[in-house]
């Protein structure tokens, strides 16, 4: 379990002076925090969908999850966070223009690993929209 791994890494850092263990502990805890933010954001989203009021914590939780997943190199988690940011913009905020760049629709996910970044319209805080041939943001047909 992650708590035991984090404790073991802490002990290696404090008792053995292992700086690499502290860096590994940071990555481990960031991955756990990312998953927790994503899970909490999804719960808030369900509450809204079931007739509740919008919770101002929802979008920042998805954004934090995405940033942490990116920091630890978890592309799947980063993509899932972007999807939920899109769900927030579409369902809660009613803003399809901001939802689409987050949604993972074709054109937002380049084929090569490590080349994707969020559209600035997605959250207004990160990245730039990937462009196709001639600077188009649409995927080339072929």
N, C-alpha and C. Protein backbone atom coordinates (compact mmCIF):
# COMPACT_ATOMS: atom_id res chain seq x y z
N UNK A 1 0.85 -1.18 0.00
CA UNK A 1 0.00 0.00 0.00
C UNK A 1 0.89 1.24 0.00
N UNK A 2 0.37 2.33 -0.57
CA UNK A 2 1.16 3.54 -0.74
C UNK A 2 1.64 4.12 0.59
N UNK A 3 0.86 4.01 1.63
CA UNK A 3 1.26 4.61 2.91
C UNK A 3 2.50 3.92 3.47
N UNK A 4 2.58 2.61 3.30
CA UNK A 4 3.76 1.89 3.77
C UNK A 4 4.98 2.23 2.91
N UNK A 5 4.77 2.35 1.59
CA UNK A 5 5.88 2.73 0.71
C UNK A 5 6.40 4.12 1.07
N UNK A 6 5.49 5.06 1.28
CA UNK A 6 5.88 6.42 1.63
C UNK A 6 6.62 6.44 2.97
N UNK A 7 6.15 5.65 3.92
CA UNK A 7 6.82 5.59 5.22
C UNK A 7 8.22 5.00 5.07
N UNK A 8 8.34 3.94 4.29
CA UNK A 8 9.66 3.33 4.06
C UNK A 8 10.61 4.30 3.39
N UNK A 9 10.12 5.06 2.43
CA UNK A 9 10.97 6.05 1.77
C UNK A 9 11.36 7.16 2.73
N UNK A 10 10.45 7.58 3.57
CA UNK A 10 10.76 8.58 4.60
C UNK A 10 11.87 8.07 5.50
N UNK A 11 11.73 6.82 5.94
CA UNK A 11 12.73 6.25 6.85
C UNK A 11 14.10 6.15 6.18
N UNK A 12 14.13 5.79 4.90
CA UNK A 12 15.41 5.77 4.17
C UNK A 12 16.00 7.17 4.10
N UNK A 13 15.15 8.17 3.94
CA UNK A 13 15.63 9.55 3.87
C UNK A 13 16.13 10.04 5.21
N UNK A 14 15.39 9.80 6.28
CA UNK A 14 15.75 10.34 7.59
C UNK A 14 16.89 9.58 8.25
N UNK A 15 16.87 8.25 8.14
CA UNK A 15 17.87 7.45 8.85
C UNK A 15 19.09 7.12 8.01
N UNK A 16 18.93 7.02 6.70
CA UNK A 16 20.06 6.66 5.85
C UNK A 16 20.55 7.85 5.02
N UNK A 17 19.88 8.99 5.14
CA UNK A 17 20.30 10.18 4.39
C UNK A 17 20.13 10.02 2.89
N UNK A 18 19.19 9.19 2.48
CA UNK A 18 18.98 8.89 1.06
C UNK A 18 18.08 9.94 0.42
N UNK A 19 18.70 10.92 -0.26
CA UNK A 19 17.93 11.98 -0.90
C UNK A 19 17.06 11.46 -2.04
N UNK A 20 17.51 10.41 -2.71
CA UNK A 20 16.72 9.82 -3.80
C UNK A 20 15.41 9.25 -3.24
N UNK A 21 15.45 8.74 -2.02
CA UNK A 21 14.24 8.20 -1.40
C UNK A 21 13.22 9.31 -1.16
N UNK A 22 13.72 10.50 -0.80
CA UNK A 22 12.80 11.62 -0.58
C UNK A 22 12.15 12.05 -1.89
N UNK A 23 12.91 12.08 -2.97
CA UNK A 23 12.35 12.42 -4.28
C UNK A 23 11.32 11.37 -4.70
N UNK A 24 11.63 10.10 -4.45
CA UNK A 24 10.69 9.03 -4.78
C UNK A 24 9.42 9.16 -3.93
N UNK A 25 9.59 9.55 -2.68
CA UNK A 25 8.44 9.74 -1.80
C UNK A 25 7.55 10.87 -2.32
N UNK A 26 8.17 11.95 -2.78
CA UNK A 26 7.39 13.05 -3.35
C UNK A 26 6.57 12.58 -4.54
N UNK A 27 7.19 11.81 -5.43
CA UNK A 27 6.47 11.31 -6.60
C UNK A 27 5.33 10.38 -6.19
N UNK A 28 5.61 9.50 -5.24
CA UNK A 28 4.58 8.56 -4.76
C UNK A 28 3.39 9.32 -4.17
N UNK A 29 3.67 10.31 -3.33
CA UNK A 29 2.59 11.06 -2.69
C UNK A 29 1.86 11.95 -3.69
N UNK A 30 2.57 12.49 -4.69
CA UNK A 30 1.91 13.27 -5.73
C UNK A 30 0.94 12.40 -6.53
N UNK A 31 1.34 11.17 -6.83
CA UNK A 31 0.47 10.25 -7.57
C UNK A 31 -0.78 9.93 -6.75
N UNK A 32 -0.61 9.74 -5.47
CA UNK A 32 -1.77 9.45 -4.60
C UNK A 32 -2.67 10.67 -4.51
N UNK A 33 -2.07 11.85 -4.35
CA UNK A 33 -2.87 13.08 -4.28
C UNK A 33 -3.65 13.30 -5.58
N UNK A 34 -2.99 13.02 -6.71
CA UNK A 34 -3.66 13.17 -8.00
C UNK A 34 -4.89 12.28 -8.08
N UNK A 35 -4.72 11.03 -7.71
CA UNK A 35 -5.85 10.09 -7.74
C UNK A 35 -6.95 10.53 -6.78
N UNK A 36 -6.58 11.02 -5.62
CA UNK A 36 -7.56 11.50 -4.65
C UNK A 36 -8.33 12.72 -5.18
N UNK A 37 -7.60 13.67 -5.78
CA UNK A 37 -8.27 14.85 -6.34
C UNK A 37 -9.25 14.44 -7.43
N UNK A 38 -8.84 13.52 -8.29
CA UNK A 38 -9.72 13.06 -9.36
C UNK A 38 -10.97 12.39 -8.78
N UNK A 39 -10.78 11.52 -7.80
CA UNK A 39 -11.91 10.82 -7.19
C UNK A 39 -12.85 11.80 -6.49
N UNK A 40 -12.30 12.75 -5.77
CA UNK A 40 -13.15 13.72 -5.06
C UNK A 40 -13.91 14.59 -6.06
N UNK A 41 -13.25 15.00 -7.13
CA UNK A 41 -13.91 15.79 -8.16
C UNK A 41 -15.06 15.04 -8.81
N UNK A 42 -14.85 13.73 -9.06
CA UNK A 42 -15.92 12.92 -9.65
C UNK A 42 -17.11 12.82 -8.71
N UNK A 43 -16.86 12.68 -7.43
CA UNK A 43 -17.96 12.62 -6.45
C UNK A 43 -18.75 13.93 -6.46
N UNK A 44 -18.04 15.05 -6.50
CA UNK A 44 -18.74 16.34 -6.55
C UNK A 44 -19.55 16.46 -7.83
N UNK A 45 -19.02 15.93 -8.93
CA UNK A 45 -19.73 15.98 -10.20
C UNK A 45 -21.03 15.18 -10.13
N UNK A 46 -20.96 13.99 -9.55
CA UNK A 46 -22.17 13.16 -9.41
C UNK A 46 -23.21 13.88 -8.56
N UNK A 47 -22.77 14.52 -7.49
CA UNK A 47 -23.73 15.25 -6.65
C UNK A 47 -24.44 16.33 -7.45
N UNK A 48 -23.70 17.03 -8.32
CA UNK A 48 -24.31 18.04 -9.16
C UNK A 48 -25.31 17.40 -10.13
N UNK A 49 -24.90 16.33 -10.79
CA UNK A 49 -25.75 15.66 -11.77
C UNK A 49 -27.02 15.13 -11.11
N UNK A 50 -26.94 14.71 -9.87
CA UNK A 50 -28.10 14.18 -9.17
C UNK A 50 -29.00 15.28 -8.61
N UNK A 51 -28.77 16.50 -9.03
CA UNK A 51 -29.67 17.57 -8.66
C UNK A 51 -29.14 18.52 -7.61
N UNK A 52 -27.89 18.36 -7.28
CA UNK A 52 -27.30 19.28 -6.30
C UNK A 52 -26.84 20.57 -6.95
N UNK A 53 -26.25 21.40 -6.16
CA UNK A 53 -25.70 22.65 -6.66
C UNK A 53 -24.26 22.44 -7.06
N UNK A 54 -23.78 23.28 -7.97
CA UNK A 54 -22.38 23.22 -8.38
C UNK A 54 -21.50 23.50 -7.17
N UNK A 55 -20.44 22.74 -7.04
CA UNK A 55 -19.48 22.93 -5.96
C UNK A 55 -18.24 23.60 -6.53
N UNK A 56 -17.84 24.75 -6.00
CA UNK A 56 -16.70 25.47 -6.56
C UNK A 56 -15.37 24.72 -6.47
N UNK A 57 -15.33 23.64 -5.73
CA UNK A 57 -14.09 22.86 -5.62
C UNK A 57 -13.89 21.90 -6.79
N UNK A 58 -14.96 21.62 -7.55
CA UNK A 58 -14.89 20.57 -8.57
C UNK A 58 -13.81 20.83 -9.62
N UNK A 59 -13.89 21.93 -10.32
CA UNK A 59 -12.92 22.19 -11.39
C UNK A 59 -11.49 22.27 -10.86
N UNK A 60 -11.22 23.00 -9.78
CA UNK A 60 -9.84 23.02 -9.27
C UNK A 60 -9.31 21.63 -8.89
N UNK A 61 -10.18 20.74 -8.44
CA UNK A 61 -9.73 19.38 -8.13
C UNK A 61 -9.28 18.67 -9.41
N UNK A 62 -10.05 18.78 -10.49
CA UNK A 62 -9.66 18.16 -11.74
C UNK A 62 -8.37 18.78 -12.29
N UNK A 63 -8.25 20.09 -12.17
CA UNK A 63 -7.03 20.77 -12.63
C UNK A 63 -5.81 20.34 -11.82
N UNK A 64 -5.97 20.24 -10.52
CA UNK A 64 -4.86 19.81 -9.65
C UNK A 64 -4.47 18.37 -9.98
N UNK A 65 -5.45 17.52 -10.18
CA UNK A 65 -5.17 16.14 -10.55
C UNK A 65 -4.37 16.10 -11.85
N UNK A 66 -4.79 16.87 -12.84
CA UNK A 66 -4.08 16.89 -14.12
C UNK A 66 -2.65 17.35 -13.98
N UNK A 67 -2.43 18.40 -13.19
CA UNK A 67 -1.07 18.91 -12.99
C UNK A 67 -0.20 17.88 -12.28
N UNK A 68 -0.75 17.22 -11.28
CA UNK A 68 0.03 16.21 -10.55
C UNK A 68 0.30 14.99 -11.42
N UNK A 69 -0.69 14.53 -12.16
CA UNK A 69 -0.47 13.40 -13.05
C UNK A 69 0.61 13.74 -14.07
N UNK A 70 0.58 14.96 -14.59
CA UNK A 70 1.62 15.38 -15.54
C UNK A 70 2.99 15.38 -14.88
N UNK A 71 3.07 15.88 -13.66
CA UNK A 71 4.34 15.96 -12.94
C UNK A 71 4.96 14.58 -12.71
N UNK A 72 4.12 13.57 -12.50
CA UNK A 72 4.64 12.22 -12.25
C UNK A 72 4.71 11.40 -13.53
N UNK A 73 4.35 12.00 -14.66
CA UNK A 73 4.46 11.31 -15.94
C UNK A 73 3.37 10.30 -16.22
N UNK A 74 2.21 10.49 -15.61
CA UNK A 74 1.09 9.56 -15.80
C UNK A 74 0.16 10.14 -16.87
N UNK A 75 0.41 9.79 -18.10
CA UNK A 75 -0.36 10.33 -19.22
C UNK A 75 -1.82 9.88 -19.17
N UNK A 76 -2.07 8.64 -18.76
CA UNK A 76 -3.44 8.16 -18.65
C UNK A 76 -4.21 9.00 -17.63
N UNK A 77 -3.61 9.22 -16.48
CA UNK A 77 -4.25 10.04 -15.46
C UNK A 77 -4.45 11.47 -15.91
N UNK A 78 -3.48 12.00 -16.62
CA UNK A 78 -3.59 13.35 -17.15
C UNK A 78 -4.76 13.45 -18.13
N UNK A 79 -4.88 12.44 -18.99
CA UNK A 79 -5.98 12.42 -19.95
C UNK A 79 -7.33 12.28 -19.27
N UNK A 80 -7.39 11.44 -18.24
CA UNK A 80 -8.65 11.28 -17.52
C UNK A 80 -9.05 12.58 -16.83
N UNK A 81 -8.06 13.28 -16.27
CA UNK A 81 -8.34 14.57 -15.64
C UNK A 81 -8.86 15.57 -16.65
N UNK A 82 -8.26 15.58 -17.84
CA UNK A 82 -8.72 16.49 -18.89
C UNK A 82 -10.16 16.16 -19.29
N UNK A 83 -10.46 14.87 -19.38
CA UNK A 83 -11.83 14.45 -19.71
C UNK A 83 -12.81 15.02 -18.68
N UNK A 84 -12.48 14.89 -17.40
CA UNK A 84 -13.40 15.37 -16.36
C UNK A 84 -13.47 16.89 -16.31
N UNK A 85 -12.37 17.57 -16.68
CA UNK A 85 -12.46 19.02 -16.82
C UNK A 85 -13.48 19.36 -17.91
N UNK A 86 -13.42 18.60 -19.02
CA UNK A 86 -14.39 18.81 -20.09
C UNK A 86 -15.81 18.55 -19.63
N UNK A 87 -16.00 17.49 -18.84
CA UNK A 87 -17.33 17.20 -18.30
C UNK A 87 -17.82 18.37 -17.45
N UNK A 88 -16.93 18.92 -16.64
CA UNK A 88 -17.31 20.06 -15.82
C UNK A 88 -17.78 21.22 -16.70
N UNK A 89 -16.96 21.56 -17.70
CA UNK A 89 -17.30 22.71 -18.55
C UNK A 89 -18.61 22.47 -19.30
N UNK A 90 -18.83 21.25 -19.77
CA UNK A 90 -20.05 20.96 -20.53
C UNK A 90 -21.27 20.87 -19.63
N UNK A 91 -21.18 20.07 -18.57
CA UNK A 91 -22.36 19.75 -17.77
C UNK A 91 -22.64 20.81 -16.70
N UNK A 92 -21.64 21.21 -15.98
CA UNK A 92 -21.85 22.15 -14.88
C UNK A 92 -21.91 23.59 -15.37
N UNK A 93 -20.91 23.97 -16.19
CA UNK A 93 -20.84 25.36 -16.65
C UNK A 93 -21.64 25.60 -17.92
N UNK A 94 -22.04 24.53 -18.62
CA UNK A 94 -22.80 24.69 -19.86
C UNK A 94 -22.00 25.38 -20.95
N UNK A 95 -20.69 25.16 -20.98
CA UNK A 95 -19.79 25.85 -21.91
C UNK A 95 -19.13 24.82 -22.82
N UNK A 96 -19.78 24.50 -23.92
CA UNK A 96 -19.27 23.50 -24.85
C UNK A 96 -17.96 23.94 -25.49
N UNK A 97 -17.79 25.24 -25.74
CA UNK A 97 -16.54 25.71 -26.34
C UNK A 97 -15.34 25.39 -25.47
N UNK A 98 -15.49 25.47 -24.17
CA UNK A 98 -14.37 25.12 -23.28
C UNK A 98 -14.31 23.63 -23.02
N UNK A 99 -15.43 22.94 -23.20
CA UNK A 99 -15.46 21.49 -22.94
C UNK A 99 -14.74 20.71 -24.03
N UNK A 100 -14.94 21.05 -25.28
CA UNK A 100 -14.39 20.26 -26.38
C UNK A 100 -12.87 20.11 -26.35
N UNK A 101 -12.09 21.16 -26.10
CA UNK A 101 -10.64 20.96 -26.07
C UNK A 101 -10.18 20.02 -24.96
N UNK A 102 -10.98 19.82 -23.94
CA UNK A 102 -10.63 18.95 -22.83
C UNK A 102 -11.03 17.51 -23.07
N UNK A 103 -11.92 17.29 -24.01
CA UNK A 103 -12.64 16.02 -24.09
C UNK A 103 -11.87 14.86 -24.67
N UNK A 104 -10.74 15.12 -25.28
CA UNK A 104 -10.02 14.03 -25.91
C UNK A 104 -10.56 13.68 -27.28
N UNK A 105 -11.36 14.58 -27.88
CA UNK A 105 -11.84 14.31 -29.22
C UNK A 105 -10.66 14.30 -30.17
N UNK A 106 -10.75 13.58 -31.28
CA UNK A 106 -9.64 13.53 -32.23
C UNK A 106 -9.16 14.93 -32.56
N UNK A 107 -7.86 15.08 -32.60
CA UNK A 107 -7.27 16.37 -32.87
C UNK A 107 -6.64 16.97 -31.63
N UNK A 108 -7.11 16.56 -30.47
CA UNK A 108 -6.51 17.05 -29.23
C UNK A 108 -5.46 16.08 -28.68
N UNK A 109 -5.32 14.93 -29.30
CA UNK A 109 -4.38 13.92 -28.82
C UNK A 109 -3.42 13.56 -29.95
N UNK A 110 -2.26 14.18 -30.02
CA UNK A 110 -1.31 13.82 -31.06
C UNK A 110 -0.87 12.37 -30.92
N UNK A 111 -0.45 11.77 -32.01
CA UNK A 111 -0.11 10.36 -31.98
C UNK A 111 1.15 10.03 -31.20
N UNK A 112 2.06 10.97 -31.04
CA UNK A 112 3.31 10.68 -30.35
C UNK A 112 3.20 10.98 -28.86
N UNK A 113 3.72 10.10 -28.06
CA UNK A 113 3.73 10.28 -26.61
C UNK A 113 4.54 11.51 -26.25
N UNK A 114 4.00 12.29 -25.32
CA UNK A 114 4.72 13.44 -24.80
C UNK A 114 4.54 14.71 -25.60
N UNK A 115 3.71 14.70 -26.64
CA UNK A 115 3.55 15.90 -27.45
C UNK A 115 2.23 16.61 -27.18
N UNK A 116 1.37 16.04 -26.35
CA UNK A 116 0.06 16.60 -26.09
C UNK A 116 0.13 17.68 -25.03
N UNK A 117 -0.66 18.71 -25.20
CA UNK A 117 -0.87 19.68 -24.12
C UNK A 117 -2.29 20.19 -24.22
N UNK A 118 -2.83 20.62 -23.11
CA UNK A 118 -4.21 21.08 -23.07
C UNK A 118 -4.37 22.39 -23.82
N UNK A 119 -5.54 22.56 -24.32
CA UNK A 119 -5.88 23.83 -24.93
C UNK A 119 -6.00 24.88 -23.83
N UNK A 120 -5.56 26.09 -24.09
CA UNK A 120 -5.75 27.12 -23.06
C UNK A 120 -7.23 27.39 -22.81
N UNK A 121 -8.10 27.02 -23.77
CA UNK A 121 -9.53 27.20 -23.56
C UNK A 121 -10.09 26.17 -22.59
N UNK A 122 -9.35 25.11 -22.35
CA UNK A 122 -9.83 24.05 -21.49
C UNK A 122 -9.95 24.56 -20.06
N UNK A 123 -8.85 25.01 -19.49
CA UNK A 123 -8.92 25.49 -18.12
C UNK A 123 -8.45 26.93 -18.00
N UNK A 124 -7.86 27.43 -19.06
CA UNK A 124 -7.35 28.79 -19.00
C UNK A 124 -6.04 28.89 -18.25
N UNK A 125 -5.44 27.75 -17.87
CA UNK A 125 -4.24 27.82 -17.06
C UNK A 125 -3.06 27.07 -17.63
N UNK A 126 -3.25 26.27 -18.68
CA UNK A 126 -2.15 25.45 -19.15
C UNK A 126 -2.12 25.36 -20.66
N UNK A 127 -0.93 25.05 -21.16
CA UNK A 127 -0.70 24.52 -22.48
C UNK A 127 -1.21 25.34 -23.65
N UNK A 128 -1.03 24.75 -24.79
CA UNK A 128 -1.55 25.32 -26.02
C UNK A 128 -2.11 24.20 -26.86
N UNK A 129 -3.08 24.53 -27.66
CA UNK A 129 -3.75 23.51 -28.47
C UNK A 129 -2.82 23.04 -29.57
N UNK A 130 -2.67 21.74 -29.73
CA UNK A 130 -1.83 21.24 -30.81
C UNK A 130 -2.42 21.63 -32.15
N UNK A 131 -1.55 21.88 -33.10
CA UNK A 131 -2.03 22.27 -34.41
C UNK A 131 -1.63 21.25 -35.45
N UNK A 132 -2.42 21.18 -36.49
CA UNK A 132 -2.14 20.28 -37.59
C UNK A 132 -1.43 21.02 -38.70
N UNK A 133 -1.41 20.43 -39.88
CA UNK A 133 -0.75 21.07 -41.01
C UNK A 133 -1.32 22.45 -41.28
N UNK A 134 -0.44 23.40 -41.53
CA UNK A 134 -0.88 24.76 -41.84
C UNK A 134 -1.40 25.51 -40.63
N UNK A 135 -1.15 25.02 -39.42
CA UNK A 135 -1.59 25.70 -38.21
C UNK A 135 -3.02 25.42 -37.82
N UNK A 136 -3.70 24.53 -38.55
CA UNK A 136 -5.08 24.22 -38.23
C UNK A 136 -5.15 23.43 -36.93
N UNK A 137 -6.19 23.68 -36.16
CA UNK A 137 -6.41 22.90 -34.94
C UNK A 137 -7.27 21.69 -35.22
N UNK A 138 -7.68 21.50 -36.44
CA UNK A 138 -8.48 20.34 -36.84
C UNK A 138 -7.55 19.24 -37.32
N UNK A 139 -7.97 18.05 -37.13
CA UNK A 139 -7.21 16.89 -37.57
C UNK A 139 -7.31 16.75 -39.09
N UNK A 140 -6.18 16.47 -39.71
CA UNK A 140 -6.18 16.29 -41.16
C UNK A 140 -6.92 15.03 -41.53
N UNK A 141 -7.70 15.08 -42.58
CA UNK A 141 -8.42 13.90 -43.06
C UNK A 141 -7.55 13.22 -44.09
N UNK A 142 -7.62 11.90 -44.08
CA UNK A 142 -6.78 11.24 -45.05
C UNK A 142 -7.08 9.84 -45.30
